[in-house]
Amino acid sequence: MSMTLDQVKALTYRQEVHSDNQVNHGTCERWRVNGAVQTWKTRPDDVRVPVKHELRDYTNITKLNMSFYHLHSECPRNASLYVHDHGNDSKNHSHD
């Protein structure tokens, strides 16, 4: 699920977001907000949020690329792990 403009505007310093660019066997890239959310009174639909990945990768989340990011709490990878773990538990129980 991609981020909405309201979610991007509500990001806070050091909050974790995930990139849909999946690496490392299906896990999402983790980015951290590295500064203040920048908005403009004359352009209310524009936004820029600086983010950092690991030690040397920096970029900005903007209106143009916000569809490639999602909140940590809405990560589809987290949901699939939850279903997978519970799915295995139910398969291991026999109903004789």
N, C-alpha and C. Protein backbone atom coordinates (compact mmCIF):
# COMPACT_ATOMS: atom_id res chain seq x y z
N MET A 1 0.84 -1.17 0.00
CA MET A 1 0.00 0.00 0.00
C MET A 1 0.89 1.24 0.00
N SER A 2 0.62 2.16 -0.88
CA SER A 2 1.45 3.36 -0.97
C SER A 2 0.94 4.43 -0.01
N MET A 3 1.80 5.40 0.27
CA MET A 3 1.47 6.46 1.20
C MET A 3 0.59 7.52 0.53
N THR A 4 -0.28 8.12 1.32
CA THR A 4 -1.10 9.22 0.85
C THR A 4 -0.37 10.54 1.16
N LEU A 5 -0.84 11.62 0.56
CA LEU A 5 -0.25 12.93 0.81
C LEU A 5 -0.37 13.30 2.29
N ASP A 6 -1.51 13.00 2.90
CA ASP A 6 -1.70 13.31 4.32
C ASP A 6 -0.74 12.51 5.20
N GLN A 7 -0.48 11.24 4.85
CA GLN A 7 0.48 10.44 5.62
C GLN A 7 1.89 11.00 5.49
N VAL A 8 2.26 11.44 4.30
CA VAL A 8 3.59 12.00 4.09
C VAL A 8 3.74 13.29 4.90
N LYS A 9 2.72 14.12 4.89
CA LYS A 9 2.77 15.38 5.64
C LYS A 9 2.83 15.14 7.16
N ALA A 10 2.33 14.01 7.62
CA ALA A 10 2.30 13.72 9.05
C ALA A 10 3.56 13.00 9.55
N LEU A 11 4.51 12.71 8.68
CA LEU A 11 5.74 12.02 9.11
C LEU A 11 6.50 12.86 10.11
N THR A 12 7.18 12.20 11.02
CA THR A 12 7.97 12.88 12.04
C THR A 12 9.42 12.44 11.99
N TYR A 13 10.29 13.24 12.57
CA TYR A 13 11.72 12.97 12.59
C TYR A 13 12.01 11.58 13.15
N ARG A 14 12.84 10.82 12.46
CA ARG A 14 13.30 9.48 12.80
C ARG A 14 12.22 8.39 12.64
N GLN A 15 11.07 8.73 12.10
CA GLN A 15 10.03 7.73 11.83
C GLN A 15 10.49 6.83 10.68
N GLU A 16 10.20 5.54 10.79
CA GLU A 16 10.61 4.58 9.77
C GLU A 16 9.54 4.42 8.71
N VAL A 17 9.98 4.47 7.44
CA VAL A 17 9.11 4.16 6.31
C VAL A 17 9.82 3.10 5.48
N HIS A 18 9.06 2.39 4.66
CA HIS A 18 9.63 1.33 3.84
C HIS A 18 9.48 1.67 2.37
N SER A 19 10.48 1.30 1.61
CA SER A 19 10.43 1.45 0.16
C SER A 19 9.92 0.15 -0.44
N ASP A 20 9.13 0.27 -1.50
CA ASP A 20 8.62 -0.92 -2.17
C ASP A 20 9.69 -1.64 -2.97
N ASN A 21 10.88 -1.08 -3.05
CA ASN A 21 12.00 -1.73 -3.71
C ASN A 21 12.46 -2.87 -2.82
N GLN A 22 11.99 -4.07 -3.09
CA GLN A 22 12.26 -5.20 -2.21
C GLN A 22 13.64 -5.78 -2.49
N VAL A 23 14.42 -5.92 -1.44
CA VAL A 23 15.77 -6.47 -1.51
C VAL A 23 15.91 -7.54 -0.44
N ASN A 24 17.02 -8.21 -0.43
CA ASN A 24 17.31 -9.20 0.61
C ASN A 24 16.19 -10.22 0.78
N HIS A 25 15.89 -10.91 -0.29
CA HIS A 25 14.91 -12.01 -0.25
C HIS A 25 13.51 -11.55 0.13
N GLY A 26 13.06 -10.46 -0.46
CA GLY A 26 11.68 -10.03 -0.27
C GLY A 26 11.43 -9.05 0.84
N THR A 27 12.45 -8.63 1.59
CA THR A 27 12.21 -7.63 2.62
C THR A 27 12.26 -6.24 2.00
N CYS A 28 11.54 -5.32 2.57
CA CYS A 28 11.50 -3.95 2.06
C CYS A 28 12.71 -3.16 2.59
N GLU A 29 13.11 -2.15 1.80
CA GLU A 29 14.18 -1.27 2.28
C GLU A 29 13.61 -0.37 3.37
N ARG A 30 14.35 -0.23 4.45
CA ARG A 30 13.92 0.62 5.56
C ARG A 30 14.59 1.98 5.45
N TRP A 31 13.80 3.03 5.43
CA TRP A 31 14.29 4.41 5.39
C TRP A 31 13.82 5.11 6.65
N ARG A 32 14.58 6.11 7.09
CA ARG A 32 14.23 6.85 8.30
C ARG A 32 14.16 8.34 7.95
N VAL A 33 13.10 9.01 8.44
CA VAL A 33 12.96 10.45 8.21
C VAL A 33 14.14 11.15 8.87
N ASN A 34 14.80 12.00 8.09
CA ASN A 34 16.06 12.60 8.52
C ASN A 34 15.97 14.12 8.69
N GLY A 35 14.78 14.65 8.71
CA GLY A 35 14.61 16.10 8.86
C GLY A 35 13.14 16.45 8.90
N ALA A 36 12.87 17.75 8.83
CA ALA A 36 11.50 18.23 8.91
C ALA A 36 10.76 18.09 7.58
N VAL A 37 9.46 17.89 7.68
CA VAL A 37 8.61 17.86 6.49
C VAL A 37 8.50 19.28 5.97
N GLN A 38 8.75 19.46 4.67
CA GLN A 38 8.69 20.79 4.07
C GLN A 38 7.44 20.90 3.20
N THR A 39 6.63 21.93 3.46
CA THR A 39 5.44 22.20 2.66
C THR A 39 5.47 23.68 2.26
N TRP A 40 4.61 24.04 1.32
CA TRP A 40 4.55 25.41 0.82
C TRP A 40 3.11 25.90 0.86
N LYS A 41 2.91 27.15 1.33
CA LYS A 41 1.57 27.72 1.38
C LYS A 41 0.99 27.91 -0.02
N THR A 42 1.83 28.28 -0.97
CA THR A 42 1.35 28.54 -2.33
C THR A 42 1.13 27.27 -3.15
N ARG A 43 1.71 26.14 -2.68
CA ARG A 43 1.54 24.84 -3.36
C ARG A 43 1.19 23.79 -2.31
N PRO A 44 -0.06 23.74 -1.87
CA PRO A 44 -0.43 22.85 -0.76
C PRO A 44 -0.29 21.36 -1.07
N ASP A 45 -0.24 20.99 -2.34
CA ASP A 45 -0.10 19.58 -2.69
C ASP A 45 1.35 19.14 -2.85
N ASP A 46 2.28 20.06 -2.66
CA ASP A 46 3.70 19.71 -2.74
C ASP A 46 4.25 19.46 -1.35
N VAL A 47 5.16 18.50 -1.28
CA VAL A 47 5.77 18.14 0.00
C VAL A 47 7.16 17.58 -0.28
N ARG A 48 8.06 17.76 0.67
CA ARG A 48 9.39 17.16 0.56
C ARG A 48 9.83 16.72 1.95
N VAL A 49 10.19 15.44 2.05
CA VAL A 49 10.62 14.87 3.33
C VAL A 49 11.97 14.21 3.12
N PRO A 50 13.03 14.69 3.77
CA PRO A 50 14.33 14.04 3.64
C PRO A 50 14.36 12.71 4.38
N VAL A 51 14.89 11.68 3.73
CA VAL A 51 15.00 10.35 4.35
C VAL A 51 16.39 9.79 4.12
N LYS A 52 16.77 8.87 5.00
CA LYS A 52 18.10 8.26 4.96
C LYS A 52 17.96 6.75 5.02
N HIS A 53 18.82 6.06 4.27
CA HIS A 53 18.86 4.59 4.26
C HIS A 53 20.28 4.17 4.57
N GLU A 54 20.45 3.40 5.63
CA GLU A 54 21.76 2.93 6.09
C GLU A 54 22.70 4.12 6.31
N LEU A 55 23.96 4.04 5.87
CA LEU A 55 24.93 5.08 6.21
C LEU A 55 25.07 6.18 5.17
N ARG A 56 24.88 5.87 3.90
CA ARG A 56 25.23 6.86 2.89
C ARG A 56 24.14 7.17 1.86
N ASP A 57 22.99 6.57 1.96
CA ASP A 57 21.95 6.81 0.97
C ASP A 57 20.94 7.83 1.50
N TYR A 58 20.78 8.91 0.76
CA TYR A 58 19.84 9.97 1.12
C TYR A 58 18.96 10.28 -0.08
N THR A 59 17.71 10.61 0.18
CA THR A 59 16.80 11.06 -0.87
C THR A 59 15.66 11.83 -0.21
N ASN A 60 14.71 12.25 -1.00
CA ASN A 60 13.53 12.95 -0.50
C ASN A 60 12.28 12.22 -0.96
N ILE A 61 11.31 12.12 -0.07
CA ILE A 61 9.99 11.65 -0.47
C ILE A 61 9.23 12.90 -0.94
N THR A 62 8.70 12.83 -2.15
CA THR A 62 7.96 13.94 -2.73
C THR A 62 6.63 13.42 -3.27
N LYS A 63 5.85 14.33 -3.79
CA LYS A 63 4.57 13.96 -4.39
C LYS A 63 4.80 12.99 -5.56
N LEU A 64 5.93 13.13 -6.25
CA LEU A 64 6.21 12.31 -7.43
C LEU A 64 6.58 10.86 -7.08
N ASN A 65 7.21 10.63 -5.93
CA ASN A 65 7.67 9.27 -5.60
C ASN A 65 7.03 8.67 -4.35
N MET A 66 6.05 9.34 -3.75
CA MET A 66 5.47 8.84 -2.51
C MET A 66 4.74 7.51 -2.70
N SER A 67 4.37 7.19 -3.92
CA SER A 67 3.68 5.92 -4.17
C SER A 67 4.61 4.72 -4.03
N PHE A 68 5.93 4.96 -3.97
CA PHE A 68 6.89 3.87 -3.82
C PHE A 68 7.22 3.59 -2.35
N TYR A 69 6.60 4.31 -1.42
CA TYR A 69 6.87 4.17 0.01
C TYR A 69 5.59 3.79 0.75
N HIS A 70 5.75 3.13 1.89
CA HIS A 70 4.62 2.84 2.77
C HIS A 70 5.10 2.92 4.21
N LEU A 71 4.15 3.10 5.11
CA LEU A 71 4.46 3.17 6.54
C LEU A 71 4.89 1.80 7.04
N HIS A 72 5.73 1.79 8.05
CA HIS A 72 6.16 0.53 8.67
C HIS A 72 4.94 -0.26 9.16
N SER A 73 3.97 0.44 9.73
CA SER A 73 2.78 -0.22 10.27
C SER A 73 1.90 -0.83 9.19
N GLU A 74 2.05 -0.39 7.94
CA GLU A 74 1.24 -0.91 6.84
C GLU A 74 2.05 -1.79 5.88
N CYS A 75 3.18 -2.28 6.35
CA CYS A 75 4.06 -3.07 5.49
C CYS A 75 3.39 -4.40 5.13
N PRO A 76 3.24 -4.68 3.83
CA PRO A 76 2.64 -5.95 3.44
C PRO A 76 3.51 -7.15 3.83
N ARG A 77 4.79 -6.95 3.95
CA ARG A 77 5.70 -8.01 4.37
C ARG A 77 5.40 -8.44 5.80
N ASN A 78 5.11 -7.48 6.69
CA ASN A 78 4.76 -7.81 8.08
C ASN A 78 3.49 -8.63 8.14
N ALA A 79 2.51 -8.27 7.32
CA ALA A 79 1.24 -9.00 7.31
C ALA A 79 1.43 -10.42 6.82
N SER A 80 2.25 -10.62 5.80
CA SER A 80 2.45 -11.97 5.28
C SER A 80 3.21 -12.84 6.26
N LEU A 81 4.12 -12.25 7.03
CA LEU A 81 4.82 -13.02 8.05
C LEU A 81 3.86 -13.46 9.14
N TYR A 82 2.93 -12.58 9.52
CA TYR A 82 1.96 -12.92 10.55
C TYR A 82 1.07 -14.07 10.09
N VAL A 83 0.56 -13.97 8.88
CA VAL A 83 -0.30 -15.03 8.35
C VAL A 83 0.49 -16.32 8.21
N HIS A 84 1.73 -16.22 7.73
CA HIS A 84 2.56 -17.40 7.52
C HIS A 84 2.82 -18.12 8.85
N ASP A 85 3.18 -17.35 9.88
CA ASP A 85 3.46 -17.97 11.18
C ASP A 85 2.23 -18.67 11.74
N HIS A 86 1.07 -18.03 11.66
CA HIS A 86 -0.13 -18.64 12.19
C HIS A 86 -0.62 -19.77 11.31
N GLY A 87 -0.35 -19.67 10.02
CA GLY A 87 -0.72 -20.74 9.11
C GLY A 87 0.03 -22.02 9.42
N ASN A 88 1.30 -21.92 9.76
CA ASN A 88 2.10 -23.10 10.10
C ASN A 88 1.63 -23.73 11.40
N ASP A 89 1.21 -22.90 12.36
CA ASP A 89 0.73 -23.44 13.63
C ASP A 89 -0.50 -24.30 13.43
N SER A 90 -1.42 -23.85 12.58
CA SER A 90 -2.64 -24.61 12.40
C SER A 90 -2.39 -25.89 11.60
N LYS A 91 -1.40 -25.90 10.74
CA LYS A 91 -1.08 -27.08 9.95
C LYS A 91 -0.42 -28.17 10.81
N ASN A 92 0.27 -27.73 11.86
CA ASN A 92 0.98 -28.69 12.70
C ASN A 92 0.06 -29.40 13.69
N HIS A 93 -1.16 -28.90 13.84
CA HIS A 93 -2.09 -29.54 14.77
C HIS A 93 -2.93 -30.54 14.01
N SER A 94 -2.98 -31.75 14.48
CA SER A 94 -3.79 -32.77 13.79
C SER A 94 -5.15 -32.86 14.49
N HIS A 95 -6.17 -33.06 13.69
CA HIS A 95 -7.52 -33.20 14.22
C HIS A 95 -8.00 -34.61 13.97
N ASP A 96 -7.62 -35.53 14.84
CA ASP A 96 -7.98 -36.95 14.68
C ASP A 96 -9.31 -37.27 15.27
